[in-house]
Amino acid sequence: MAEARGRPCAYESVSVPTSVTPLTAALITSSMADGCYISIEGASIRFVTFGVPSATVGHLVDPPSGQNSQPPSLVILGRQAMLGFRAIATTGTATLRVSYFSLSG
């Protein structure tokens, strides 16, 4: 079995209202991140890695309901995909918990 590679290099929490919200470009570039793991809390979102999402355009991610449910998560690979990531909450405000990782060093 192949060994997983990658080192944590940054973290942020991003509030996503009903307007288009990116990840923090300066954090992605300064940390030399190659990918990120995102968990979504609080509200449904739509996201794209190219273009602009809306209430009806983009990949829909719905958080589960119930006390014992785990929040949904995404893995985004590649700096360009992270820099192109845009999300919008379909209602209310979502929170993205983002852990960045680097494949070098």
N, C-alpha and C. Protein backbone atom coordinates (compact mmCIF):
# COMPACT_ATOMS: atom_id res chain seq x y z
N MET A 1 0.84 -1.18 0.00
CA MET A 1 0.00 0.00 0.00
C MET A 1 0.89 1.25 0.00
N ALA A 2 0.55 2.22 -0.82
CA ALA A 2 1.35 3.45 -0.93
C ALA A 2 1.17 4.31 0.31
N GLU A 3 2.25 4.95 0.70
CA GLU A 3 2.21 5.85 1.85
C GLU A 3 1.59 7.19 1.44
N ALA A 4 0.68 7.70 2.25
CA ALA A 4 0.08 9.02 1.99
C ALA A 4 1.13 10.08 2.28
N ARG A 5 1.20 11.09 1.42
CA ARG A 5 2.15 12.17 1.59
C ARG A 5 1.40 13.49 1.71
N GLY A 6 2.00 14.44 2.36
CA GLY A 6 1.40 15.76 2.51
C GLY A 6 1.58 16.24 3.94
N ARG A 7 1.85 17.54 4.05
CA ARG A 7 2.00 18.11 5.39
C ARG A 7 1.01 19.25 5.54
N PRO A 8 0.40 19.37 6.71
CA PRO A 8 -0.49 20.51 6.95
C PRO A 8 0.31 21.80 6.86
N CYS A 9 -0.28 22.83 6.23
CA CYS A 9 0.47 24.08 6.10
C CYS A 9 -0.36 25.32 6.44
N ALA A 10 -1.67 25.21 6.57
CA ALA A 10 -2.49 26.38 6.93
C ALA A 10 -3.91 25.92 7.26
N TYR A 11 -4.64 26.82 7.93
CA TYR A 11 -6.04 26.56 8.30
C TYR A 11 -6.78 27.89 8.30
N GLU A 12 -8.05 27.85 7.92
CA GLU A 12 -8.91 29.02 8.05
C GLU A 12 -10.37 28.58 8.17
N SER A 13 -11.17 29.46 8.75
CA SER A 13 -12.62 29.33 8.77
C SER A 13 -13.16 30.44 7.87
N VAL A 14 -14.07 30.08 6.98
CA VAL A 14 -14.62 31.04 6.02
C VAL A 14 -16.14 31.07 6.18
N SER A 15 -16.69 32.25 6.46
CA SER A 15 -18.14 32.42 6.49
C SER A 15 -18.63 32.62 5.07
N VAL A 16 -19.66 31.85 4.71
CA VAL A 16 -20.21 31.92 3.36
C VAL A 16 -21.67 32.35 3.45
N PRO A 17 -21.96 33.61 3.14
CA PRO A 17 -23.34 34.08 3.13
C PRO A 17 -24.00 33.75 1.78
N THR A 18 -25.09 34.40 1.48
CA THR A 18 -25.78 34.17 0.21
C THR A 18 -25.18 35.01 -0.91
N SER A 19 -23.90 35.38 -0.77
CA SER A 19 -23.15 36.03 -1.84
C SER A 19 -21.90 35.20 -2.11
N VAL A 20 -21.35 35.31 -3.29
CA VAL A 20 -20.22 34.49 -3.72
C VAL A 20 -19.00 34.78 -2.86
N THR A 21 -18.37 33.70 -2.35
CA THR A 21 -17.24 33.82 -1.43
C THR A 21 -16.12 32.87 -1.86
N PRO A 22 -14.89 33.38 -2.02
CA PRO A 22 -13.75 32.52 -2.36
C PRO A 22 -13.02 32.07 -1.10
N LEU A 23 -12.06 31.16 -1.29
CA LEU A 23 -11.09 30.88 -0.25
C LEU A 23 -10.08 32.04 -0.28
N THR A 24 -9.23 32.14 0.74
CA THR A 24 -8.30 33.25 0.84
C THR A 24 -7.07 33.00 -0.05
N ALA A 25 -7.00 33.73 -1.17
CA ALA A 25 -5.93 33.52 -2.16
C ALA A 25 -4.55 33.73 -1.56
N ALA A 26 -4.38 34.76 -0.75
CA ALA A 26 -3.06 35.04 -0.15
C ALA A 26 -2.60 33.88 0.73
N LEU A 27 -3.52 33.25 1.43
CA LEU A 27 -3.17 32.11 2.29
C LEU A 27 -2.76 30.91 1.43
N ILE A 28 -3.48 30.68 0.36
CA ILE A 28 -3.17 29.55 -0.54
C ILE A 28 -1.78 29.73 -1.14
N THR A 29 -1.47 30.91 -1.64
CA THR A 29 -0.18 31.13 -2.30
C THR A 29 0.97 31.22 -1.31
N SER A 30 0.78 31.91 -0.18
CA SER A 30 1.89 32.04 0.78
C SER A 30 2.22 30.73 1.47
N SER A 31 1.24 29.86 1.64
CA SER A 31 1.49 28.58 2.32
C SER A 31 1.98 27.51 1.35
N MET A 32 1.97 27.82 0.03
CA MET A 32 2.35 26.85 -1.00
C MET A 32 1.48 25.60 -0.95
N ALA A 33 0.19 25.78 -0.64
CA ALA A 33 -0.75 24.66 -0.53
C ALA A 33 -0.96 23.99 -1.88
N ASP A 34 -1.06 22.66 -1.86
CA ASP A 34 -1.34 21.87 -3.06
C ASP A 34 -2.76 21.33 -3.06
N GLY A 35 -3.42 21.40 -1.91
CA GLY A 35 -4.78 20.90 -1.80
C GLY A 35 -5.37 21.31 -0.47
N CYS A 36 -6.66 21.03 -0.31
CA CYS A 36 -7.31 21.35 0.96
C CYS A 36 -8.46 20.40 1.23
N TYR A 37 -8.75 20.27 2.50
CA TYR A 37 -9.89 19.50 3.00
C TYR A 37 -10.86 20.51 3.60
N ILE A 38 -12.12 20.48 3.17
CA ILE A 38 -13.12 21.45 3.62
C ILE A 38 -14.29 20.72 4.24
N SER A 39 -14.66 21.10 5.46
CA SER A 39 -15.92 20.62 6.03
C SER A 39 -16.90 21.79 6.05
N ILE A 40 -18.17 21.47 5.81
CA ILE A 40 -19.21 22.48 5.66
C ILE A 40 -20.19 22.36 6.81
N GLU A 41 -20.43 23.49 7.50
CA GLU A 41 -21.33 23.50 8.65
C GLU A 41 -22.39 24.58 8.48
N GLY A 42 -23.58 24.32 9.00
CA GLY A 42 -24.58 25.36 9.18
C GLY A 42 -25.59 25.58 8.09
N ALA A 43 -25.23 25.43 6.82
CA ALA A 43 -26.18 25.69 5.74
C ALA A 43 -25.70 24.98 4.48
N SER A 44 -26.61 24.77 3.57
CA SER A 44 -26.27 24.19 2.27
C SER A 44 -25.48 25.21 1.45
N ILE A 45 -24.56 24.70 0.64
CA ILE A 45 -23.82 25.58 -0.28
C ILE A 45 -23.88 25.01 -1.69
N ARG A 46 -23.59 25.88 -2.64
CA ARG A 46 -23.25 25.48 -4.01
C ARG A 46 -21.84 25.99 -4.24
N PHE A 47 -21.01 25.18 -4.96
CA PHE A 47 -19.64 25.61 -5.21
C PHE A 47 -19.22 25.24 -6.63
N VAL A 48 -18.24 25.97 -7.11
CA VAL A 48 -17.57 25.68 -8.38
C VAL A 48 -16.08 25.92 -8.18
N THR A 49 -15.26 25.36 -9.06
CA THR A 49 -13.82 25.67 -9.06
C THR A 49 -13.45 26.45 -10.31
N PHE A 50 -14.44 26.76 -11.12
CA PHE A 50 -14.26 27.58 -12.32
C PHE A 50 -15.59 28.26 -12.58
N GLY A 51 -15.59 29.56 -12.67
CA GLY A 51 -16.84 30.28 -12.91
C GLY A 51 -17.42 30.83 -11.63
N VAL A 52 -18.74 31.05 -11.65
CA VAL A 52 -19.42 31.69 -10.53
C VAL A 52 -20.67 30.88 -10.16
N PRO A 53 -20.78 30.45 -8.90
CA PRO A 53 -21.99 29.73 -8.49
C PRO A 53 -23.16 30.68 -8.24
N SER A 54 -24.33 30.12 -8.18
CA SER A 54 -25.53 30.88 -7.80
C SER A 54 -26.43 29.94 -7.01
N ALA A 55 -27.61 30.38 -6.69
CA ALA A 55 -28.55 29.54 -5.94
C ALA A 55 -28.95 28.29 -6.74
N THR A 56 -28.74 28.32 -8.06
CA THR A 56 -29.11 27.17 -8.90
C THR A 56 -27.95 26.61 -9.73
N VAL A 57 -26.77 27.22 -9.66
CA VAL A 57 -25.61 26.79 -10.46
C VAL A 57 -24.49 26.36 -9.52
N GLY A 58 -23.90 25.21 -9.79
CA GLY A 58 -22.79 24.70 -8.99
C GLY A 58 -23.16 23.39 -8.32
N HIS A 59 -22.15 22.78 -7.71
CA HIS A 59 -22.34 21.52 -7.00
C HIS A 59 -23.04 21.79 -5.67
N LEU A 60 -24.13 21.10 -5.41
CA LEU A 60 -24.89 21.30 -4.17
C LEU A 60 -24.35 20.39 -3.08
N VAL A 61 -24.09 20.96 -1.91
CA VAL A 61 -23.67 20.20 -0.73
C VAL A 61 -24.62 20.56 0.40
N ASP A 62 -25.37 19.57 0.86
CA ASP A 62 -26.33 19.77 1.95
C ASP A 62 -25.77 19.20 3.24
N PRO A 63 -25.72 19.98 4.32
CA PRO A 63 -25.31 19.40 5.59
C PRO A 63 -26.41 18.48 6.11
N PRO A 64 -26.05 17.39 6.78
CA PRO A 64 -27.06 16.48 7.31
C PRO A 64 -27.78 17.12 8.49
N SER A 65 -28.94 16.60 8.78
CA SER A 65 -29.66 17.06 9.97
C SER A 65 -29.53 16.02 11.06
N GLY A 66 -29.70 16.42 12.30
CA GLY A 66 -29.59 15.49 13.42
C GLY A 66 -28.32 15.72 14.21
N GLN A 67 -28.37 15.41 15.48
CA GLN A 67 -27.25 15.68 16.38
C GLN A 67 -26.02 14.83 16.11
N ASN A 68 -26.18 13.61 15.64
CA ASN A 68 -25.05 12.70 15.49
C ASN A 68 -24.49 12.66 14.08
N SER A 69 -24.95 13.54 13.23
CA SER A 69 -24.50 13.53 11.85
C SER A 69 -23.17 14.28 11.69
N GLN A 70 -22.33 13.75 10.84
CA GLN A 70 -21.06 14.40 10.53
C GLN A 70 -21.27 15.43 9.43
N PRO A 71 -20.57 16.58 9.49
CA PRO A 71 -20.70 17.57 8.42
C PRO A 71 -20.13 17.01 7.12
N PRO A 72 -20.71 17.40 5.97
CA PRO A 72 -20.15 16.95 4.70
C PRO A 72 -18.77 17.58 4.48
N SER A 73 -17.98 16.95 3.63
CA SER A 73 -16.63 17.46 3.38
C SER A 73 -16.28 17.33 1.91
N LEU A 74 -15.28 18.12 1.52
CA LEU A 74 -14.76 18.14 0.15
C LEU A 74 -13.25 18.07 0.21
N VAL A 75 -12.65 17.52 -0.81
CA VAL A 75 -11.20 17.62 -1.01
C VAL A 75 -11.00 18.32 -2.34
N ILE A 76 -10.25 19.41 -2.32
CA ILE A 76 -9.93 20.15 -3.53
C ILE A 76 -8.44 19.99 -3.79
N LEU A 77 -8.08 19.48 -4.96
CA LEU A 77 -6.69 19.24 -5.30
C LEU A 77 -6.22 20.24 -6.35
N GLY A 78 -5.04 20.79 -6.14
CA GLY A 78 -4.43 21.70 -7.10
C GLY A 78 -4.65 23.16 -6.72
N ARG A 79 -3.57 23.92 -6.85
CA ARG A 79 -3.62 25.34 -6.47
C ARG A 79 -4.63 26.11 -7.32
N GLN A 80 -4.67 25.84 -8.64
CA GLN A 80 -5.61 26.56 -9.50
C GLN A 80 -7.06 26.27 -9.11
N ALA A 81 -7.36 25.03 -8.75
CA ALA A 81 -8.73 24.69 -8.32
C ALA A 81 -9.08 25.40 -7.02
N MET A 82 -8.12 25.49 -6.10
CA MET A 82 -8.39 26.20 -4.84
C MET A 82 -8.57 27.69 -5.08
N LEU A 83 -7.73 28.27 -5.95
CA LEU A 83 -7.86 29.70 -6.25
C LEU A 83 -9.15 30.00 -7.01
N GLY A 84 -9.65 29.03 -7.77
CA GLY A 84 -10.90 29.20 -8.49
C GLY A 84 -12.14 28.85 -7.69
N PHE A 85 -11.96 28.28 -6.49
CA PHE A 85 -13.10 27.85 -5.66
C PHE A 85 -13.95 29.06 -5.27
N ARG A 86 -15.24 28.94 -5.51
CA ARG A 86 -16.22 29.95 -5.10
C ARG A 86 -17.42 29.21 -4.53
N ALA A 87 -17.96 29.71 -3.44
CA ALA A 87 -19.13 29.09 -2.81
C ALA A 87 -20.17 30.14 -2.50
N ILE A 88 -21.41 29.70 -2.41
CA ILE A 88 -22.52 30.55 -2.01
C ILE A 88 -23.46 29.71 -1.17
N ALA A 89 -23.95 30.26 -0.07
CA ALA A 89 -24.94 29.55 0.73
C ALA A 89 -26.29 29.68 0.04
N THR A 90 -27.05 28.59 0.04
CA THR A 90 -28.36 28.65 -0.60
C THR A 90 -29.37 29.38 0.28
N THR A 91 -29.19 29.32 1.58
CA THR A 91 -29.96 30.11 2.55
C THR A 91 -29.07 30.30 3.78
N GLY A 92 -29.28 31.36 4.51
CA GLY A 92 -28.51 31.58 5.74
C GLY A 92 -27.03 31.77 5.48
N THR A 93 -26.21 31.30 6.43
CA THR A 93 -24.76 31.42 6.33
C THR A 93 -24.14 30.07 6.67
N ALA A 94 -23.24 29.62 5.82
CA ALA A 94 -22.50 28.39 6.07
C ALA A 94 -21.11 28.76 6.58
N THR A 95 -20.47 27.84 7.26
CA THR A 95 -19.08 28.01 7.68
C THR A 95 -18.26 26.89 7.06
N LEU A 96 -17.18 27.28 6.39
CA LEU A 96 -16.24 26.31 5.84
C LEU A 96 -15.04 26.23 6.77
N ARG A 97 -14.69 25.04 7.20
CA ARG A 97 -13.47 24.80 7.97
C ARG A 97 -12.47 24.21 6.99
N VAL A 98 -11.39 24.94 6.71
CA VAL A 98 -10.49 24.58 5.62
C VAL A 98 -9.09 24.27 6.16
N SER A 99 -8.63 23.05 5.92
CA SER A 99 -7.26 22.65 6.25
C SER A 99 -6.49 22.49 4.95
N TYR A 100 -5.41 23.26 4.82
CA TYR A 100 -4.59 23.21 3.61
C TYR A 100 -3.40 22.27 3.84
N PHE A 101 -2.95 21.64 2.75
CA PHE A 101 -1.77 20.78 2.85
C PHE A 101 -0.86 20.98 1.65
N SER A 102 0.40 20.67 1.86
CA SER A 102 1.42 20.78 0.83
C SER A 102 2.01 19.40 0.57
N LEU A 103 2.31 19.10 -0.65
CA LEU A 103 2.92 17.81 -1.00
C LEU A 103 4.44 17.88 -1.01
N SER A 104 5.00 19.07 -0.85
CA SER A 104 6.46 19.21 -0.85
C SER A 104 6.97 19.26 0.57
N GLY A 105 8.22 18.91 0.72
CA GLY A 105 8.93 19.04 1.98
C GLY A 105 8.36 18.27 3.06
